[in-house]
Amino acid sequence: QVQLVESGGGLVQPGGSLRLSCAASLSIFSFSNMGWYRQAPGKERELVASATSGGTTTYADSVKDRFTISRDNAKDTVYLQMNSLKPEDTAVYYCRAIGVFSTYWGQGTQVTVSS
């Protein structure tokens, strides 16, 4: 059973930074694409950022130039560095991994941006 465990969420003031981590229970080389999604109350889940095993990254327009996704193959971990956070970034953030036969999701971590 593949497990993705997110960490790093919390409460931060506007303009602050957080780094989310997603640790996989097996080598992330197993996944062709890993990404971060978020879901705010009353809204649909949306893609924030993704990274392929080949290094191609994709970002939502709302987070470009503020968020950075990275993969550490040695640690089987994917990170999301979030800078210049805004109240509208408040959401539960989920890690997603696309394997050969299945797509896997983490349990989510809450990010709250508020003064």
Protein backbone atom coordinates (compact mmCIF):
# COMPACT_ATOMS: atom_id res chain seq x y z
CA GLN A 1 0.00 0.00 0.00
CA VAL A 2 1.49 3.30 -1.10
CA GLN A 3 1.41 6.05 1.49
CA LEU A 4 1.97 9.76 1.05
CA VAL A 5 2.43 11.70 4.27
CA GLU A 6 2.25 15.50 4.18
CA SER A 7 3.66 17.80 6.81
CA GLY A 8 4.61 21.43 7.27
CA GLY A 9 1.24 23.12 7.31
CA GLY A 10 0.19 25.62 9.91
CA LEU A 11 -0.81 29.18 10.63
CA VAL A 12 1.23 31.96 9.03
CA GLN A 13 0.77 35.71 8.63
CA PRO A 14 0.25 37.25 5.20
CA GLY A 15 3.58 37.67 3.45
CA GLY A 16 5.09 34.76 5.34
CA SER A 17 6.48 31.45 4.12
CA LEU A 18 5.91 27.75 4.68
CA ARG A 19 7.45 24.62 3.24
CA LEU A 20 5.26 21.58 2.80
CA SER A 21 6.74 18.10 2.58
CA CYS A 22 5.29 14.93 1.10
CA ALA A 23 7.12 11.75 2.06
CA ALA A 24 6.39 8.65 -0.01
CA SER A 25 6.52 5.08 1.28
CA LEU A 26 8.43 3.95 -1.79
CA SER A 27 10.86 5.42 -4.28
CA ILE A 28 9.42 8.46 -6.02
CA PHE A 29 11.02 7.14 -9.18
CA SER A 30 7.89 4.98 -9.21
CA PHE A 31 5.81 8.03 -9.98
CA SER A 32 5.78 9.77 -13.33
CA ASN A 33 4.28 12.90 -11.84
CA MET A 34 3.94 14.27 -8.33
CA GLY A 35 1.99 17.32 -7.40
CA TRP A 36 0.25 19.47 -4.84
CA TYR A 37 -3.43 20.29 -4.88
CA ARG A 38 -5.47 22.41 -2.51
CA GLN A 39 -9.08 22.69 -1.50
CA ALA A 40 -10.57 25.69 0.23
CA PRO A 41 -13.93 25.52 2.04
CA GLY A 42 -16.79 25.49 -0.45
CA LYS A 43 -14.45 25.23 -3.44
CA GLU A 44 -13.29 22.45 -5.71
CA ARG A 45 -9.87 20.89 -5.34
CA GLU A 46 -7.39 22.59 -7.67
CA LEU A 47 -3.91 21.93 -8.93
CA VAL A 48 -1.27 24.11 -7.32
CA ALA A 49 1.93 22.69 -8.77
CA SER A 50 3.26 19.48 -10.27
CA ALA A 51 6.61 18.05 -11.31
CA THR A 52 7.32 15.18 -13.66
CA SER A 53 10.11 12.68 -13.17
CA GLY A 54 11.84 14.40 -16.08
CA GLY A 55 11.87 17.71 -14.26
CA THR A 56 9.03 19.55 -16.00
CA THR A 57 7.06 21.74 -13.59
CA THR A 58 3.61 23.26 -13.86
CA TYR A 59 2.08 25.96 -11.67
CA ALA A 60 -1.34 27.48 -11.24
CA ASP A 61 -1.33 31.11 -12.39
CA SER A 62 -2.29 32.22 -8.89
CA VAL A 63 0.94 30.86 -7.36
CA LYS A 64 3.50 31.44 -10.11
CA ASP A 65 6.59 33.28 -8.87
CA ARG A 66 5.58 32.60 -5.27
CA PHE A 67 5.56 28.79 -4.94
CA THR A 68 8.24 26.29 -5.95
CA ILE A 69 7.85 22.53 -6.23
CA SER A 70 10.87 20.27 -5.95
CA ARG A 71 11.62 16.56 -5.76
CA ASP A 72 14.34 15.01 -3.58
CA ASN A 73 14.80 11.56 -5.04
CA ALA A 74 17.26 10.52 -2.33
CA LYS A 75 14.69 11.22 0.39
CA ASP A 76 11.62 10.11 -1.61
CA THR A 77 10.09 13.45 -0.76
CA VAL A 78 8.42 16.24 -2.68
CA TYR A 79 8.39 19.78 -1.34
CA LEU A 80 6.31 22.86 -1.91
CA GLN A 81 8.04 26.07 -0.91
CA MET A 82 5.41 28.76 -0.46
CA ASN A 83 6.50 32.40 -0.19
CA SER A 84 4.58 35.67 -0.03
CA LEU A 85 1.54 33.84 1.26
CA LYS A 86 -1.86 35.46 0.94
CA PRO A 87 -5.13 34.86 2.80
CA GLU A 88 -6.54 33.32 -0.38
CA ASP A 89 -3.90 30.59 -0.14
CA THR A 90 -5.73 29.24 2.91
CA ALA A 91 -6.77 25.65 2.17
CA VAL A 92 -6.06 22.01 2.86
CA TYR A 93 -3.09 21.03 0.73
CA TYR A 94 -2.88 17.50 -0.67
CA CYS A 95 0.00 15.61 -2.19
CA ARG A 96 -0.75 13.49 -5.27
CA ALA A 97 1.41 10.90 -7.03
CA ILE A 98 0.71 9.26 -10.37
CA GLY A 99 1.98 5.70 -10.57
CA VAL A 100 1.88 3.16 -13.40
CA PHE A 101 -1.54 1.80 -12.47
CA SER A 102 -2.94 4.15 -9.84
CA THR A 103 -3.06 7.67 -8.52
CA TYR A 104 -2.36 8.16 -4.84
CA TRP A 105 -3.31 10.95 -2.42
CA GLY A 106 -2.09 12.02 0.97
CA GLN A 107 -4.35 12.90 3.87
CA GLY A 108 -3.83 16.64 3.53
CA THR A 109 -2.31 19.37 5.66
CA GLN A 110 -4.01 22.61 6.64
CA VAL A 111 -2.48 25.93 5.66
CA THR A 112 -4.05 29.04 7.16
CA VAL A 113 -2.87 32.51 6.20
CA SER A 114 -4.22 35.10 8.58
CA SER A 115 -3.14 38.03 10.69
